[in-house]
Amino acid sequence: MASSKAYLEFVLEQLSDTDGITYRSMMGEFIIYCRGKVIGGIYDDRFLVKSAEAAKRLMPDVPYEIPYEGGSKMLLVEDIDNRKFLKELIEAISDELPEPKKKKR
């Protein structure tokens, strides 16, 4: 089942206080970036983030979910209505992740 554009717009609105948020549509789902780093995505109308140490620390009791068949476990963001928490979560994940590799030309 693909994610809806309406849910994407809702999540993007909730993340609007966070700088550097972009997204890319991919096979009916949406990959979410913060400052050029993949931090998670929207899969079957669920907002999932990478299981970075910062995310596990900020959301110690949330369930792991599989975004798609064969995908790695990710953390389900349950407190989607709390913009302050989302900003802290996304920025912490982004700060922890390595810079994306430069593509060779």
Protein backbone atom coordinates (compact mmCIF):
# COMPACT_ATOMS: atom_id res chain seq x y z
CA MET A 1 0.00 0.00 0.00
CA ALA A 2 1.43 3.37 -0.98
CA SER A 3 1.45 6.37 1.33
CA SER A 4 -0.92 9.25 0.71
CA LYS A 5 0.16 12.72 -0.32
CA ALA A 6 -2.11 14.05 2.45
CA TYR A 7 -0.12 12.19 5.13
CA LEU A 8 3.14 13.44 3.61
CA GLU A 9 1.85 17.02 3.78
CA PHE A 10 0.77 16.49 7.40
CA VAL A 11 4.23 15.20 8.40
CA LEU A 12 5.98 18.00 6.51
CA GLU A 13 3.79 20.54 8.32
CA GLN A 14 4.70 18.97 11.66
CA LEU A 15 8.40 19.21 10.67
CA SER A 16 8.13 22.80 9.42
CA ASP A 17 9.98 24.14 12.50
CA THR A 18 13.02 22.04 11.55
CA ASP A 19 15.49 23.52 9.05
CA GLY A 20 16.67 21.58 6.03
CA ILE A 21 13.76 19.16 5.61
CA THR A 22 13.26 17.81 2.10
CA TYR A 23 11.69 14.69 0.67
CA ARG A 24 11.81 12.45 -2.38
CA SER A 25 9.06 10.23 -3.69
CA MET A 26 10.20 6.66 -4.20
CA MET A 27 7.97 3.79 -5.38
CA GLY A 28 4.81 5.15 -3.73
CA GLU A 29 6.54 6.06 -0.47
CA PHE A 30 8.48 9.15 0.65
CA ILE A 31 12.07 9.40 1.87
CA ILE A 32 12.62 12.26 4.36
CA TYR A 33 15.92 14.14 4.48
CA CYS A 34 17.33 16.61 7.01
CA ARG A 35 20.26 18.68 5.79
CA GLY A 36 20.82 16.22 2.95
CA LYS A 37 20.87 13.14 5.19
CA VAL A 38 18.24 10.40 5.03
CA ILE A 39 16.66 10.35 8.48
CA GLY A 40 13.62 8.21 7.70
CA GLY A 41 10.53 8.11 5.59
CA ILE A 42 6.84 7.63 5.24
CA TYR A 43 5.87 4.03 4.57
CA ASP A 44 2.23 2.91 4.43
CA ASP A 45 1.25 6.19 6.10
CA ARG A 46 3.63 5.60 9.02
CA PHE A 47 6.47 8.00 9.85
CA LEU A 48 9.53 5.83 10.51
CA VAL A 49 13.02 7.03 11.39
CA LYS A 50 16.41 5.37 11.39
CA SER A 51 17.26 3.58 14.61
CA ALA A 52 20.14 5.92 15.45
CA GLU A 53 21.29 5.99 19.07
CA ALA A 54 19.75 9.45 19.50
CA ALA A 55 16.37 8.18 18.32
CA LYS A 56 16.52 5.16 20.65
CA ARG A 57 17.42 7.46 23.55
CA LEU A 58 14.57 9.89 22.82
CA MET A 59 12.02 7.14 22.11
CA PRO A 60 13.10 4.18 24.27
CA ASP A 61 9.75 2.38 24.26
CA VAL A 62 8.55 2.76 20.66
CA PRO A 63 8.20 -0.31 18.47
CA TYR A 64 10.46 -1.25 15.61
CA GLU A 65 8.70 -1.56 12.28
CA ILE A 66 9.74 -2.91 8.89
CA PRO A 67 9.17 -0.19 6.25
CA TYR A 68 8.82 -2.67 3.37
CA GLU A 69 9.54 -6.32 2.69
CA GLY A 70 13.27 -6.90 3.09
CA GLY A 71 13.86 -3.49 4.69
CA SER A 72 15.82 -2.78 7.86
CA LYS A 73 13.97 -2.18 11.12
CA MET A 74 13.12 1.44 11.81
CA LEU A 75 11.50 3.24 14.75
CA LEU A 76 7.86 4.28 14.54
CA VAL A 77 7.33 7.92 15.50
CA GLU A 78 4.21 7.83 17.64
CA ASP A 79 4.32 11.40 19.04
CA ILE A 80 3.73 12.95 15.61
CA ASP A 81 1.65 15.84 17.02
CA ASN A 82 4.47 17.20 19.21
CA ARG A 83 6.42 19.61 16.96
CA LYS A 84 8.98 20.49 19.63
CA PHE A 85 9.78 16.81 20.17
CA LEU A 86 9.94 16.16 16.41
CA LYS A 87 12.40 19.01 15.92
CA GLU A 88 14.62 17.65 18.72
CA LEU A 89 14.36 14.09 17.37
CA ILE A 90 15.10 14.90 13.73
CA GLU A 91 17.98 17.26 14.53
CA ALA A 92 19.52 14.68 16.91
CA ILE A 93 19.32 11.95 14.27
CA SER A 94 20.76 14.24 11.61
CA ASP A 95 23.62 15.33 13.88
CA GLU A 96 24.51 11.68 14.56
CA LEU A 97 24.49 10.48 10.94
CA PRO A 98 27.60 10.84 8.76
CA GLU A 99 27.66 13.33 5.93
CA PRO A 100 26.42 11.86 2.64
CA LYS A 101 29.15 10.69 0.30
CA LYS A 102 29.87 13.01 -2.61
CA LYS A 103 28.97 11.56 -5.97
CA LYS A 104 31.82 11.30 -8.45
CA ARG A 105 31.31 13.22 -11.66
